[in-house]
Amino acid sequence: MDAETIAATIARRMRELREERGLSLHGLAERAGLTKSHVWDLERGGSRNPTIATAVAIATALGVSLDNLAGLTTAQPTLHPEALRIACEVDALLRARPAQPVQGGEDV
């Protein structure tokens, strides 16, 4: 699969998944940390080369893997998409915070 085909698949899958989840363009943009116009541009195929960071942010916001968003697999997550999205957000928050000492002097 070439880059243009993958970008077109991402655009199509973004719209399908967004609509399945009942999200507006603004809702998806907010979840992914993007602007509404950027999400709209990606969905309509105006951006033929989304960055990996953008694609990961969209996949996370939609609760699917990057390979699922890109159409490279049809495997569905075992968690509900919303639960997966929340788990990814919690994981990112936990990884970003400094290690907290636990009683007994061990770090977590």
N, C-alpha and C. Protein backbone atom coordinates (compact mmCIF):
# COMPACT_ATOMS: atom_id res chain seq x y z
N MET A 1 0.84 -1.18 0.00
CA MET A 1 0.00 0.00 0.00
C MET A 1 0.89 1.25 0.00
N ASP A 2 0.61 2.17 -0.89
CA ASP A 2 1.41 3.40 -0.93
C ASP A 2 0.84 4.44 0.03
N ALA A 3 1.61 5.51 0.25
CA ALA A 3 1.24 6.53 1.23
C ALA A 3 -0.09 7.20 0.89
N GLU A 4 -0.34 7.44 -0.38
CA GLU A 4 -1.59 8.11 -0.78
C GLU A 4 -2.80 7.22 -0.49
N THR A 5 -2.67 5.93 -0.72
CA THR A 5 -3.76 4.99 -0.43
C THR A 5 -4.03 4.92 1.07
N ILE A 6 -2.95 4.90 1.85
CA ILE A 6 -3.11 4.86 3.32
C ILE A 6 -3.79 6.14 3.80
N ALA A 7 -3.37 7.30 3.27
CA ALA A 7 -3.98 8.57 3.67
C ALA A 7 -5.47 8.59 3.31
N ALA A 8 -5.83 8.07 2.16
CA ALA A 8 -7.24 8.02 1.75
C ALA A 8 -8.03 7.08 2.65
N THR A 9 -7.42 5.97 3.04
CA THR A 9 -8.07 5.02 3.95
C THR A 9 -8.27 5.65 5.32
N ILE A 10 -7.25 6.36 5.81
CA ILE A 10 -7.37 7.05 7.10
C ILE A 10 -8.52 8.05 7.04
N ALA A 11 -8.62 8.80 5.96
CA ALA A 11 -9.70 9.79 5.81
C ALA A 11 -11.06 9.11 5.87
N ARG A 12 -11.22 8.03 5.13
CA ARG A 12 -12.49 7.32 5.10
C ARG A 12 -12.83 6.71 6.45
N ARG A 13 -11.83 6.05 7.07
CA ARG A 13 -12.04 5.40 8.37
C ARG A 13 -12.32 6.43 9.47
N MET A 14 -11.65 7.58 9.41
CA MET A 14 -11.91 8.63 10.40
C MET A 14 -13.38 9.01 10.41
N ARG A 15 -13.91 9.24 9.23
CA ARG A 15 -15.31 9.66 9.14
C ARG A 15 -16.24 8.54 9.62
N GLU A 16 -15.98 7.31 9.15
CA GLU A 16 -16.81 6.17 9.56
C GLU A 16 -16.82 6.01 11.07
N LEU A 17 -15.63 5.99 11.66
CA LEU A 17 -15.51 5.78 13.10
C LEU A 17 -16.08 6.95 13.89
N ARG A 18 -15.85 8.16 13.43
CA ARG A 18 -16.38 9.34 14.11
C ARG A 18 -17.90 9.29 14.13
N GLU A 19 -18.50 8.96 12.99
CA GLU A 19 -19.95 8.89 12.91
C GLU A 19 -20.51 7.73 13.74
N GLU A 20 -19.84 6.57 13.72
CA GLU A 20 -20.26 5.43 14.54
C GLU A 20 -20.30 5.79 16.02
N ARG A 21 -19.37 6.64 16.43
CA ARG A 21 -19.26 7.01 17.84
C ARG A 21 -20.09 8.25 18.19
N GLY A 22 -20.77 8.79 17.18
CA GLY A 22 -21.63 9.94 17.42
C GLY A 22 -20.87 11.22 17.74
N LEU A 23 -19.65 11.32 17.21
CA LEU A 23 -18.82 12.49 17.47
C LEU A 23 -18.96 13.51 16.34
N SER A 24 -18.94 14.76 16.71
CA SER A 24 -18.87 15.84 15.71
C SER A 24 -17.40 16.03 15.34
N LEU A 25 -17.18 16.83 14.31
CA LEU A 25 -15.79 17.19 13.97
C LEU A 25 -15.12 17.86 15.15
N HIS A 26 -15.85 18.75 15.80
CA HIS A 26 -15.31 19.47 16.96
C HIS A 26 -14.99 18.48 18.09
N GLY A 27 -15.89 17.52 18.34
CA GLY A 27 -15.67 16.54 19.40
C GLY A 27 -14.43 15.70 19.16
N LEU A 28 -14.24 15.24 17.93
CA LEU A 28 -13.05 14.46 17.60
C LEU A 28 -11.80 15.33 17.72
N ALA A 29 -11.88 16.54 17.22
CA ALA A 29 -10.73 17.45 17.28
C ALA A 29 -10.32 17.70 18.73
N GLU A 30 -11.30 17.93 19.58
CA GLU A 30 -11.02 18.18 20.99
C GLU A 30 -10.35 16.97 21.64
N ARG A 31 -10.87 15.78 21.38
CA ARG A 31 -10.29 14.56 21.95
C ARG A 31 -8.87 14.31 21.46
N ALA A 32 -8.62 14.64 20.19
CA ALA A 32 -7.32 14.37 19.58
C ALA A 32 -6.32 15.50 19.80
N GLY A 33 -6.77 16.63 20.32
CA GLY A 33 -5.87 17.76 20.52
C GLY A 33 -5.53 18.46 19.22
N LEU A 34 -6.48 18.45 18.28
CA LEU A 34 -6.29 19.07 16.97
C LEU A 34 -7.35 20.16 16.78
N THR A 35 -7.19 20.94 15.74
CA THR A 35 -8.23 21.92 15.42
C THR A 35 -9.32 21.24 14.59
N LYS A 36 -10.51 21.79 14.68
CA LYS A 36 -11.63 21.26 13.89
C LYS A 36 -11.30 21.31 12.40
N SER A 37 -10.68 22.41 11.96
CA SER A 37 -10.36 22.54 10.54
C SER A 37 -9.34 21.49 10.09
N HIS A 38 -8.41 21.13 10.97
CA HIS A 38 -7.42 20.10 10.63
C HIS A 38 -8.11 18.75 10.49
N VAL A 39 -9.01 18.42 11.40
CA VAL A 39 -9.75 17.16 11.32
C VAL A 39 -10.58 17.13 10.04
N TRP A 40 -11.26 18.22 9.75
CA TRP A 40 -12.07 18.30 8.54
C TRP A 40 -11.20 18.12 7.30
N ASP A 41 -10.04 18.76 7.28
CA ASP A 41 -9.12 18.64 6.16
C ASP A 41 -8.65 17.19 5.97
N LEU A 42 -8.35 16.53 7.07
CA LEU A 42 -7.94 15.12 7.00
C LEU A 42 -9.07 14.24 6.49
N GLU A 43 -10.27 14.44 7.01
CA GLU A 43 -11.42 13.63 6.62
C GLU A 43 -11.78 13.77 5.15
N ARG A 44 -11.65 14.95 4.62
CA ARG A 44 -12.02 15.15 3.22
C ARG A 44 -10.88 14.80 2.26
N GLY A 45 -9.74 14.38 2.83
CA GLY A 45 -8.62 13.97 2.00
C GLY A 45 -7.74 15.12 1.57
N GLY A 46 -7.92 16.28 2.16
CA GLY A 46 -7.12 17.45 1.80
C GLY A 46 -5.67 17.33 2.25
N SER A 47 -5.45 16.58 3.30
CA SER A 47 -4.09 16.36 3.80
C SER A 47 -3.67 14.95 3.42
N ARG A 48 -2.80 14.84 2.46
CA ARG A 48 -2.39 13.54 1.93
C ARG A 48 -1.26 12.88 2.72
N ASN A 49 -0.72 13.60 3.70
CA ASN A 49 0.42 13.06 4.43
C ASN A 49 0.35 13.43 5.91
N PRO A 50 -0.64 12.86 6.63
CA PRO A 50 -0.72 13.20 8.06
C PRO A 50 0.51 12.68 8.80
N THR A 51 0.95 13.42 9.80
CA THR A 51 2.10 12.96 10.58
C THR A 51 1.70 11.74 11.41
N ILE A 52 2.69 10.99 11.83
CA ILE A 52 2.44 9.85 12.70
C ILE A 52 1.78 10.32 13.99
N ALA A 53 2.25 11.42 14.55
CA ALA A 53 1.68 11.94 15.79
C ALA A 53 0.20 12.26 15.61
N THR A 54 -0.17 12.86 14.49
CA THR A 54 -1.56 13.18 14.22
C THR A 54 -2.39 11.92 14.07
N ALA A 55 -1.89 10.95 13.32
CA ALA A 55 -2.61 9.70 13.12
C ALA A 55 -2.79 8.94 14.44
N VAL A 56 -1.77 8.94 15.28
CA VAL A 56 -1.87 8.27 16.59
C VAL A 56 -2.89 8.99 17.46
N ALA A 57 -2.87 10.32 17.45
CA ALA A 57 -3.83 11.09 18.24
C ALA A 57 -5.26 10.80 17.81
N ILE A 58 -5.48 10.70 16.52
CA ILE A 58 -6.82 10.41 16.00
C ILE A 58 -7.23 8.98 16.36
N ALA A 59 -6.33 8.03 16.16
CA ALA A 59 -6.64 6.64 16.51
C ALA A 59 -6.98 6.51 17.99
N THR A 60 -6.19 7.14 18.83
CA THR A 60 -6.44 7.10 20.28
C THR A 60 -7.79 7.73 20.61
N ALA A 61 -8.08 8.87 20.00
CA ALA A 61 -9.35 9.57 20.25
C ALA A 61 -10.55 8.73 19.81
N LEU A 62 -10.34 7.91 18.79
CA LEU A 62 -11.42 7.06 18.28
C LEU A 62 -11.45 5.68 18.94
N GLY A 63 -10.43 5.38 19.75
CA GLY A 63 -10.40 4.11 20.46
C GLY A 63 -10.04 2.92 19.59
N VAL A 64 -9.19 3.14 18.58
CA VAL A 64 -8.72 2.05 17.72
C VAL A 64 -7.20 2.11 17.61
N SER A 65 -6.61 1.05 17.11
CA SER A 65 -5.17 1.05 16.91
C SER A 65 -4.85 1.82 15.62
N LEU A 66 -3.61 2.22 15.50
CA LEU A 66 -3.17 2.93 14.30
C LEU A 66 -3.31 2.05 13.06
N ASP A 67 -2.98 0.77 13.19
CA ASP A 67 -3.10 -0.10 12.02
C ASP A 67 -4.57 -0.31 11.63
N ASN A 68 -5.49 -0.26 12.59
CA ASN A 68 -6.91 -0.34 12.26
C ASN A 68 -7.35 0.92 11.54
N LEU A 69 -6.95 2.09 12.05
CA LEU A 69 -7.31 3.35 11.41
C LEU A 69 -6.77 3.42 9.98
N ALA A 70 -5.58 2.89 9.76
CA ALA A 70 -4.96 2.93 8.44
C ALA A 70 -5.45 1.82 7.52
N GLY A 71 -6.32 0.95 8.03
CA GLY A 71 -6.86 -0.12 7.20
C GLY A 71 -5.92 -1.28 6.99
N LEU A 72 -4.88 -1.36 7.82
CA LEU A 72 -3.91 -2.43 7.67
C LEU A 72 -4.34 -3.71 8.39
N THR A 73 -5.34 -3.59 9.26
CA THR A 73 -5.92 -4.74 9.93
C THR A 73 -7.39 -4.46 10.18
N THR A 74 -8.16 -5.52 10.28
CA THR A 74 -9.57 -5.36 10.62
C THR A 74 -9.82 -5.80 12.06
N ALA A 75 -8.75 -6.17 12.75
CA ALA A 75 -8.88 -6.61 14.15
C ALA A 75 -9.47 -5.48 14.98
N GLN A 76 -10.45 -5.82 15.76
CA GLN A 76 -11.09 -4.85 16.63
C GLN A 76 -10.50 -4.95 18.03
N PRO A 77 -10.42 -3.85 18.75
CA PRO A 77 -9.90 -3.90 20.12
C PRO A 77 -10.84 -4.74 20.99
N THR A 78 -10.26 -5.36 22.01
CA THR A 78 -11.08 -6.17 22.90
C THR A 78 -11.85 -5.31 23.90
N LEU A 79 -11.40 -4.09 24.10
CA LEU A 79 -12.11 -3.15 24.96
C LEU A 79 -13.10 -2.32 24.14
N HIS A 80 -14.11 -1.84 24.79
CA HIS A 80 -15.02 -0.89 24.16
C HIS A 80 -14.16 0.31 23.71
N PRO A 81 -14.44 0.89 22.54
CA PRO A 81 -13.61 2.00 22.06
C PRO A 81 -13.45 3.14 23.06
N GLU A 82 -14.52 3.47 23.78
CA GLU A 82 -14.43 4.56 24.76
C GLU A 82 -13.54 4.17 25.94
N ALA A 83 -13.63 2.91 26.36
CA ALA A 83 -12.78 2.43 27.46
C ALA A 83 -11.31 2.44 27.03
N LEU A 84 -11.05 2.06 25.79
CA LEU A 84 -9.68 2.07 25.27
C LEU A 84 -9.14 3.49 25.22
N ARG A 85 -9.95 4.44 24.76
CA ARG A 85 -9.53 5.83 24.68
C ARG A 85 -9.21 6.37 26.08
N ILE A 86 -10.06 6.08 27.04
CA ILE A 86 -9.84 6.54 28.40
C ILE A 86 -8.58 5.90 28.99
N ALA A 87 -8.40 4.61 28.74
CA ALA A 87 -7.20 3.92 29.23
C ALA A 87 -5.94 4.54 28.66
N CYS A 88 -5.95 4.91 27.39
CA CYS A 88 -4.79 5.55 26.77
C CYS A 88 -4.51 6.90 27.40
N GLU A 89 -5.56 7.66 27.69
CA GLU A 89 -5.38 8.97 28.33
C GLU A 89 -4.81 8.83 29.73
N VAL A 90 -5.34 7.87 30.50
CA VAL A 90 -4.84 7.65 31.85
C VAL A 90 -3.38 7.20 31.81
N ASP A 91 -3.05 6.30 30.89
CA ASP A 91 -1.68 5.83 30.76
C ASP A 91 -0.73 7.00 30.45
N ALA A 92 -1.13 7.87 29.54
CA ALA A 92 -0.29 9.02 29.19
C ALA A 92 -0.09 9.94 30.40
N LEU A 93 -1.15 10.17 31.16
CA LEU A 93 -1.04 11.01 32.36
C LEU A 93 -0.10 10.39 33.40
N LEU A 94 -0.24 9.09 33.60
CA LEU A 94 0.61 8.42 34.58
C LEU A 94 2.08 8.41 34.15
N ARG A 95 2.32 8.23 32.88
CA ARG A 95 3.70 8.22 32.38
C ARG A 95 4.33 9.61 32.45
N ALA A 96 3.52 10.66 32.36
CA ALA A 96 4.04 12.03 32.36
C ALA A 96 4.38 12.54 33.75
N ARG A 97 3.82 11.95 34.77
CA ARG A 97 4.08 12.45 36.12
C ARG A 97 5.37 11.87 36.67
N PRO A 98 6.02 12.60 37.55
CA PRO A 98 7.24 12.07 38.16
C PRO A 98 6.91 10.87 39.05
N ALA A 99 7.86 9.98 39.18
CA ALA A 99 7.68 8.79 40.01
C ALA A 99 7.44 9.22 41.45
N GLN A 100 6.48 8.62 42.09
CA GLN A 100 6.12 8.93 43.46
C GLN A 100 6.70 7.86 44.37
N PRO A 101 7.42 8.25 45.43
CA PRO A 101 7.92 7.23 46.34
C PRO A 101 6.78 6.55 47.08
N VAL A 102 6.92 5.26 47.25
CA VAL A 102 5.93 4.46 47.95
C VAL A 102 6.44 4.24 49.37
N GLN A 103 5.54 4.03 50.30
CA GLN A 103 5.99 3.75 51.65
C GLN A 103 6.96 2.59 51.60
N GLY A 104 8.03 2.71 52.30
CA GLY A 104 9.09 1.72 52.24
C GLY A 104 10.24 2.18 51.36
N GLY A 105 10.06 3.35 50.69
CA GLY A 105 11.16 3.94 49.94
C GLY A 105 11.30 3.50 48.50
N GLU A 106 10.40 2.64 47.99
CA GLU A 106 10.50 2.19 46.60
C GLU A 106 9.75 3.15 45.69
N ASP A 107 10.27 3.34 44.48
CA ASP A 107 9.58 4.17 43.49
C ASP A 107 8.58 3.32 42.73
N VAL A 108 7.54 3.98 42.22
CA VAL A 108 6.59 3.30 41.36
C VAL A 108 6.74 3.79 39.96
